[in-house]
Amino acid sequence: MKRIENNSLKMCAKWCPWGVDKPDDDEEGNFSAFSMELLKKQNAETSAAIIQLLNTNPEFLSISENQTKMIMQRDNEDGEKLAAGIQIGIDRGALPTIEPVPYKEINVLGKTPDEIADEIISDVGEAVNTGAVIVLVGLSGTGKGTTVTKLSEKLPNTVTWSNGNIFRSITLLATSWCENNGMEQFDANAALTSENIADYLSMLSFDEFPDRGFDIKIEGLGISAFVKDIQNTDLKGPKVSKNIPTVAKQIQGEAVGFAAAAIEKMREAGMNVLLEGREQTVNYVSSPFRYSLTLSDSSIIGKRRVAQMLGATAFQKLQEEEEEVTPTAILETLNSCLSEL
């Protein structure tokens, strides 16, 4: 490994709360506990440790602030696009206008993923034994995905739902419709009429199939397949990937309606269904168990994202080291990776 020069180490001393000459002082930053084992985890624990290490580094703080602004701006833009898509569905009669059900806010600042999951499980109560739909919303970086993972580990008979395969399945049907009608390229105006969209929806069914469990079946336009069998092949092929943004914008309403019915069918079968996403879409899924993950300190959003990038890059650089990797070497590498961002 290429070591950082002494002048860089002196720079580290300016922002490390303990300085580089105190790598074993557990009471000031718990620096000596930062090991390759911790770096290898690449999880919330790793990110929290990196933030603690770099939390007074001006460069880290500046990059994190920019990341926070970018993430929040992108979230707002995505929300506006989803709202526009939902309105298209409402105007077409695919969705009703609703009054959103309130969400219980959970401030995740200073809480571990286990603590957040346990708080939700405690609130859901006995319903987890008979089947419940647990809905999570929140800004990017608030830990929705990590919380869903923890909930799936802790709860019985659990499934995580994503609308992605609905959009992909309808895109596959829409592009196949164009091909079957002799079109050399995808024509959104022709393929995505209200009548055609209704036909595509009629070609999808969600049920519990023998020896398969719950799945979406596609039957129409020369296609007969279960989504689980083609989700990593046809549904991720170029004709789907290229056209899914256009299709998704037009069929938000239909996809949300299909998802809501599928989720309720699984709940009735006694399953715990975990759903995380944007309020604009998950508002249409019926459930009393709705949670909004928030951060009273929004700067953590950018810090987490930067810490994730630094942790991944540093681990990649250090994992092939033949010598034992010391906490000081990890700190040097993190500092080097930071300068490369």
Protein backbone atom coordinates (compact mmCIF):
# COMPACT_ATOMS: atom_id res chain seq x y z
CA MET A 1 0.00 0.00 0.00
CA LYS A 2 1.21 3.49 -0.81
CA ARG A 3 1.54 5.36 2.49
CA ILE A 4 0.50 8.97 3.00
CA GLU A 5 3.43 11.29 3.52
CA ASN A 6 4.14 12.84 6.91
CA ASN A 7 2.76 16.23 5.92
CA SER A 8 -0.58 14.56 5.18
CA LEU A 9 -0.53 12.93 8.58
CA LYS A 10 0.03 16.33 10.14
CA MET A 11 -3.03 17.53 8.25
CA CYS A 12 -4.97 14.62 9.73
CA ALA A 13 -3.91 15.69 13.20
CA LYS A 14 -5.65 19.03 12.69
CA TRP A 15 -9.06 17.46 12.25
CA CYS A 16 -8.86 14.19 14.18
CA PRO A 17 -10.20 14.94 17.69
CA TRP A 18 -7.39 12.87 19.16
CA GLY A 19 -4.59 13.68 16.71
CA VAL A 20 -2.60 11.01 14.89
CA ASP A 21 -0.24 10.56 17.80
CA LYS A 22 -3.01 9.06 19.95
CA PRO A 23 -4.32 6.11 17.94
CA ASP A 24 -5.03 3.97 20.98
CA ASP A 25 -7.05 6.42 23.06
CA ASP A 26 -10.45 4.74 23.19
CA GLU A 27 -12.00 7.59 25.15
CA GLU A 28 -11.39 10.08 22.35
CA GLY A 29 -13.11 8.76 19.25
CA ASN A 30 -12.58 5.05 19.94
CA PHE A 31 -10.04 5.14 17.12
CA SER A 32 -8.27 1.88 18.02
CA ALA A 33 -11.55 -0.01 17.56
CA PHE A 34 -11.66 0.88 13.85
CA SER A 35 -10.51 -2.37 12.25
CA MET A 36 -10.62 -4.04 8.85
CA GLU A 37 -13.38 -6.24 10.25
CA LEU A 38 -15.49 -3.12 10.84
CA LEU A 39 -14.57 -1.66 7.44
CA LYS A 40 -15.50 -4.95 5.77
CA LYS A 41 -19.06 -4.82 7.13
CA GLN A 42 -19.91 -1.91 4.80
CA ASN A 43 -23.05 -1.19 6.79
CA ALA A 44 -24.54 1.49 9.04
CA GLU A 45 -22.02 0.68 11.76
CA THR A 46 -19.15 1.30 9.34
CA SER A 47 -20.63 4.60 8.15
CA ALA A 48 -21.21 5.81 11.71
CA ALA A 49 -17.58 5.06 12.62
CA ILE A 50 -16.28 6.93 9.56
CA ILE A 51 -18.47 9.94 10.35
CA GLN A 52 -17.11 9.95 13.88
CA LEU A 53 -13.56 9.88 12.55
CA LEU A 54 -14.05 12.69 10.04
CA ASN A 55 -16.69 14.83 11.67
CA THR A 56 -14.35 17.78 12.22
CA ASN A 57 -12.60 17.54 8.86
CA PRO A 58 -13.53 20.69 6.84
CA GLU A 59 -13.20 18.86 3.53
CA PHE A 60 -15.48 16.04 4.71
CA LEU A 61 -18.03 18.53 6.00
CA SER A 62 -18.00 20.54 2.78
CA ILE A 63 -18.45 17.51 0.53
CA SER A 64 -21.17 16.16 2.84
CA GLU A 65 -23.05 19.46 2.75
CA ASN A 66 -23.05 19.40 -1.05
CA GLN A 67 -24.26 15.79 -1.01
CA THR A 68 -27.11 16.70 1.34
CA LYS A 69 -28.24 19.49 -0.99
CA MET A 70 -28.03 17.23 -4.05
CA ILE A 71 -29.95 14.39 -2.38
CA MET A 72 -32.71 16.66 -1.13
CA GLN A 73 -33.02 18.37 -4.51
CA ARG A 74 -33.21 15.02 -6.30
CA ASP A 75 -35.81 13.77 -3.82
CA ASN A 76 -37.93 16.86 -4.49
CA GLU A 77 -37.61 16.42 -8.25
CA ASP A 78 -38.49 12.72 -8.01
CA GLY A 79 -41.48 13.57 -5.84
CA GLU A 80 -42.74 16.08 -8.40
CA LYS A 81 -42.39 13.53 -11.21
CA LEU A 82 -44.25 10.89 -9.21
CA ALA A 83 -47.00 13.36 -8.34
CA ALA A 84 -47.37 14.20 -12.04
CA GLY A 85 -47.59 10.49 -12.90
CA ILE A 86 -50.18 9.90 -10.18
CA GLN A 87 -52.24 12.82 -11.52
CA ILE A 88 -52.18 11.24 -14.99
CA GLY A 89 -53.62 8.08 -13.41
CA ILE A 90 -56.27 10.09 -11.57
CA ASP A 91 -57.25 11.96 -14.74
CA ARG A 92 -57.55 8.63 -16.59
CA GLY A 93 -59.71 7.16 -13.81
CA ALA A 94 -57.14 4.56 -12.74
CA LEU A 95 -56.86 6.07 -9.24
CA PRO A 96 -59.16 8.06 -6.98
CA THR A 97 -58.21 11.30 -5.30
CA ILE A 98 -57.47 10.48 -1.66
CA GLU A 99 -56.71 12.21 1.61
CA PRO A 100 -53.34 10.76 2.72
CA VAL A 101 -53.31 8.83 6.01
CA PRO A 102 -50.90 10.41 8.54
CA TYR A 103 -47.52 8.80 9.18
CA LYS A 104 -45.93 8.31 12.58
CA GLU A 105 -42.60 10.13 12.56
CA ILE A 106 -39.50 8.38 13.89
CA ASN A 107 -36.43 10.55 14.39
CA VAL A 108 -33.59 8.15 13.58
CA LEU A 109 -30.80 10.45 14.80
CA GLY A 110 -28.60 8.60 17.28
CA LYS A 111 -30.51 5.32 16.88
CA THR A 112 -29.15 2.06 15.52
CA PRO A 113 -31.04 0.18 12.78
CA ASP A 114 -31.94 -2.45 15.38
CA GLU A 115 -33.43 0.18 17.67
CA ILE A 116 -35.49 1.70 14.86
CA ALA A 117 -36.77 -1.72 13.77
CA ASP A 118 -37.63 -2.67 17.36
CA GLU A 119 -39.56 0.59 17.79
CA ILE A 120 -41.64 -0.19 14.72
CA ILE A 121 -42.23 -3.82 15.74
CA SER A 122 -43.36 -2.69 19.18
CA ASP A 123 -45.83 -0.26 17.60
CA VAL A 124 -47.24 -2.86 15.19
CA GLY A 125 -47.76 -5.25 18.09
CA GLU A 126 -49.65 -8.53 17.73
CA ALA A 127 -50.49 -7.84 14.08
CA VAL A 128 -47.07 -9.20 13.09
CA ASN A 129 -48.34 -12.68 14.02
CA THR A 130 -51.33 -12.54 11.68
CA GLY A 131 -50.02 -10.37 8.84
CA ALA A 132 -49.36 -6.65 8.57
CA VAL A 133 -48.37 -4.13 5.91
CA ILE A 134 -45.58 -1.88 7.17
CA VAL A 135 -45.04 1.26 5.09
CA LEU A 136 -41.84 3.31 5.34
CA VAL A 137 -41.19 6.72 3.80
CA GLY A 138 -38.51 9.35 4.27
CA LEU A 139 -35.77 11.23 2.49
CA SER A 140 -32.94 9.32 0.86
CA GLY A 141 -30.30 8.65 3.47
CA THR A 142 -32.64 8.27 6.43
CA GLY A 143 -32.12 4.51 6.49
CA LYS A 144 -35.32 3.12 4.95
CA GLY A 145 -33.55 0.29 3.15
CA THR A 146 -31.49 -0.66 6.20
CA THR A 147 -34.60 -0.60 8.39
CA VAL A 148 -36.46 -2.84 5.95
CA THR A 149 -33.55 -5.30 6.05
CA LYS A 150 -33.62 -5.35 9.85
CA LEU A 151 -37.39 -5.80 9.93
CA SER A 152 -37.16 -8.71 7.49
CA GLU A 153 -34.60 -10.35 9.77
CA LYS A 154 -36.71 -9.88 12.91
CA LEU A 155 -40.26 -10.53 11.69
CA PRO A 156 -41.78 -13.91 10.76
CA ASN A 157 -43.20 -14.72 7.33
CA THR A 158 -41.97 -11.49 5.76
CA VAL A 159 -41.72 -10.28 2.16
CA THR A 160 -40.36 -7.00 0.80
CA TRP A 161 -42.42 -5.48 -2.00
CA SER A 162 -41.14 -3.38 -4.90
CA ASN A 163 -43.16 -1.89 -7.77
CA GLY A 164 -40.18 -2.22 -10.11
CA ASN A 165 -41.26 -5.49 -11.70
CA ILE A 166 -44.75 -4.15 -12.40
CA PHE A 167 -43.29 -1.28 -14.42
CA ARG A 168 -40.91 -3.65 -16.17
CA SER A 169 -43.65 -6.16 -16.99
CA ILE A 170 -45.90 -3.51 -18.53
CA THR A 171 -42.93 -2.06 -20.43
CA LEU A 172 -42.21 -5.53 -21.82
CA LEU A 173 -45.82 -5.83 -22.97
CA ALA A 174 -45.86 -2.32 -24.46
CA THR A 175 -42.68 -2.91 -26.46
CA SER A 176 -43.99 -6.33 -27.57
CA TRP A 177 -47.20 -4.65 -28.74
CA CYS A 178 -45.12 -2.36 -30.96
CA GLU A 179 -43.17 -5.30 -32.36
CA ASN A 180 -46.36 -7.29 -33.01
CA ASN A 181 -47.75 -4.31 -34.93
CA GLY A 182 -44.72 -4.09 -37.20
CA MET A 183 -43.09 -1.08 -35.59
CA GLU A 184 -39.32 -0.99 -35.75
CA GLN A 185 -39.06 1.31 -32.73
CA PHE A 186 -41.06 1.84 -29.57
CA ASP A 187 -43.87 4.33 -30.14
CA ALA A 188 -45.13 5.56 -26.77
CA ASN A 189 -48.08 7.48 -28.21
CA ALA A 190 -49.37 4.42 -30.01
CA ALA A 191 -48.53 1.84 -27.35
CA LEU A 192 -49.69 3.74 -24.27
CA THR A 193 -53.28 4.60 -25.08
CA SER A 194 -55.79 4.16 -22.25
CA GLU A 195 -57.24 1.11 -24.01
CA ASN A 196 -53.83 -0.53 -24.46
CA ILE A 197 -52.77 0.13 -20.88
CA ALA A 198 -55.98 -1.52 -19.66
CA ASP A 199 -55.22 -4.51 -21.91
CA TYR A 200 -51.67 -4.81 -20.52
CA LEU A 201 -53.03 -4.81 -16.96
CA SER A 202 -55.45 -7.60 -17.87
CA MET A 203 -52.44 -9.67 -18.98
CA LEU A 204 -50.93 -9.51 -15.49
CA SER A 205 -52.12 -11.58 -12.56
CA PHE A 206 -50.80 -11.80 -9.02
CA ASP A 207 -51.51 -14.89 -6.99
CA GLU A 208 -50.07 -17.70 -4.93
CA PHE A 209 -49.19 -20.42 -7.41
CA PRO A 210 -48.52 -24.10 -6.56
CA ASP A 211 -44.84 -24.81 -5.90
CA ARG A 212 -44.01 -21.15 -6.62
CA GLY A 213 -45.53 -19.05 -3.89
CA PHE A 214 -46.70 -15.52 -4.72
CA ASP A 215 -45.67 -14.23 -8.13
CA ILE A 216 -46.80 -12.10 -11.07
CA LYS A 217 -47.76 -14.05 -14.18
CA ILE A 218 -47.61 -12.43 -17.63
CA GLU A 219 -49.96 -13.94 -20.21
CA GLY A 220 -50.45 -12.15 -23.51
CA LEU A 221 -48.92 -10.79 -26.74
CA GLY A 222 -47.02 -14.03 -27.19
CA ILE A 223 -45.55 -13.94 -23.67
CA SER A 224 -46.29 -16.57 -21.05
CA ALA A 225 -43.96 -16.28 -18.08
CA PHE A 226 -43.66 -15.82 -14.36
CA VAL A 227 -41.83 -12.64 -13.34
CA LYS A 228 -39.44 -14.45 -11.00
CA ASP A 229 -38.25 -16.52 -13.96
CA ILE A 230 -37.46 -13.54 -16.21
CA GLN A 231 -36.73 -10.72 -13.73
CA ASN A 232 -32.98 -10.90 -14.40
CA THR A 233 -33.21 -11.61 -18.14
CA ASP A 234 -36.08 -10.29 -20.28
CA LEU A 235 -37.20 -7.71 -17.72
CA LYS A 236 -33.71 -6.24 -17.63
CA GLY A 237 -33.06 -6.47 -21.33
CA PRO A 238 -32.32 -3.39 -23.47
CA LYS A 239 -35.83 -2.88 -24.86
CA VAL A 240 -37.24 -2.74 -21.32
CA SER A 241 -34.44 -0.73 -19.72
CA LYS A 242 -34.45 1.83 -22.52
CA ASN A 243 -38.18 2.49 -22.41
CA ILE A 244 -39.16 2.00 -18.76
CA PRO A 245 -38.83 5.72 -17.82
CA THR A 246 -41.32 6.70 -20.52
CA VAL A 247 -43.74 3.91 -19.65
CA ALA A 248 -43.47 4.43 -15.87
CA LYS A 249 -44.46 8.08 -16.17
CA GLN A 250 -47.70 7.11 -17.92
CA ILE A 251 -48.74 4.10 -15.82
CA GLN A 252 -48.06 5.22 -12.24
CA GLY A 253 -51.76 5.00 -11.42
CA GLU A 254 -52.25 1.51 -12.82
CA ALA A 255 -49.05 0.20 -11.21
CA VAL A 256 -49.99 1.60 -7.80
CA GLY A 257 -53.46 0.07 -8.02
CA PHE A 258 -52.05 -3.33 -9.00
CA ALA A 259 -49.50 -3.19 -6.18
CA ALA A 260 -52.07 -2.26 -3.55
CA ALA A 261 -54.25 -5.25 -4.47
CA ALA A 262 -51.25 -7.62 -4.51
CA ILE A 263 -49.99 -6.41 -1.14
CA GLU A 264 -53.44 -6.84 0.45
CA LYS A 265 -53.65 -10.38 -0.94
CA MET A 266 -50.37 -11.29 0.76
CA ARG A 267 -51.45 -9.69 4.03
CA GLU A 268 -54.67 -11.68 3.98
CA ALA A 269 -52.54 -14.81 3.59
CA GLY A 270 -50.83 -13.94 6.89
CA MET A 271 -47.66 -12.41 5.50
CA ASN A 272 -45.88 -9.32 6.81
CA VAL A 273 -45.32 -7.05 3.81
CA LEU A 274 -42.60 -4.39 3.98
CA LEU A 275 -43.01 -1.46 1.62
CA GLU A 276 -40.67 1.51 1.36
CA GLY A 277 -40.97 4.32 -1.13
CA ARG A 278 -42.31 7.79 -1.86
CA GLU A 279 -45.45 9.05 -0.21
CA GLN A 280 -47.00 9.89 -3.58
CA THR A 281 -47.30 6.17 -4.40
CA VAL A 282 -47.40 4.31 -1.07
CA ASN A 283 -50.23 6.57 0.15
CA TYR A 284 -52.49 4.32 -1.93
CA VAL A 285 -51.54 1.17 -0.01
CA SER A 286 -53.96 0.56 2.85
CA SER A 287 -52.33 0.10 6.25
CA PRO A 288 -52.50 1.59 9.74
CA PHE A 289 -48.77 0.96 10.17
CA ARG A 290 -47.14 3.91 8.41
CA TYR A 291 -43.82 5.41 9.45
CA SER A 292 -41.83 8.40 8.25
CA LEU A 293 -38.12 8.20 9.07
CA THR A 294 -36.73 11.66 9.76
CA LEU A 295 -33.42 13.20 10.80
CA SER A 296 -33.53 16.21 13.11
CA ASP A 297 -30.02 16.98 11.80
CA SER A 298 -30.33 16.82 8.01
CA SER A 299 -26.56 17.15 7.55
CA ILE A 300 -26.31 13.46 8.49
CA ILE A 301 -27.90 12.57 5.15
CA GLY A 302 -24.89 13.80 3.18
CA LYS A 303 -22.41 12.54 5.77
CA ARG A 304 -23.81 9.03 5.49
CA ARG A 305 -23.60 9.08 1.72
CA VAL A 306 -19.98 10.31 1.74
CA ALA A 307 -19.06 7.83 4.48
CA GLN A 308 -20.51 5.00 2.38
CA MET A 309 -18.40 6.03 -0.62
CA LEU A 310 -15.25 6.41 1.48
CA GLY A 311 -15.77 3.09 3.23
CA ALA A 312 -16.27 1.18 -0.01
CA THR A 313 -13.23 2.75 -1.71
CA ALA A 314 -10.97 2.36 1.33
CA PHE A 315 -11.90 -1.29 1.76
CA GLN A 316 -11.22 -1.96 -1.91
CA LYS A 317 -7.75 -0.45 -1.55
CA LEU A 318 -6.89 -2.21 1.72
CA GLN A 319 -8.38 -5.68 1.31
CA GLU A 320 -5.43 -7.04 -0.67
CA GLU A 321 -2.83 -5.91 1.88
CA GLU A 322 -0.65 -8.78 2.99
CA GLU A 323 0.38 -7.06 6.21
CA GLU A 324 -2.03 -6.51 9.08
CA VAL A 325 -3.95 -3.30 8.47
CA THR A 326 -3.69 -0.99 11.46
CA PRO A 327 -6.19 1.70 12.53
CA THR A 328 -3.64 4.33 11.47
CA ALA A 329 -3.42 2.78 7.99
CA ILE A 330 -7.21 2.86 7.72
CA LEU A 331 -7.25 6.52 8.75
CA GLU A 332 -4.58 7.37 6.19
CA THR A 333 -6.49 5.58 3.44
CA LEU A 334 -9.78 7.24 4.32
CA ASN A 335 -8.05 10.62 4.19
CA SER A 336 -6.52 9.75 0.83
CA CYS A 337 -9.91 8.63 -0.54
CA LEU A 338 -11.48 11.83 0.70
CA SER A 339 -9.02 13.91 -1.27
CA GLU A 340 -10.01 11.98 -4.40
CA LEU A 341 -13.73 12.78 -4.15
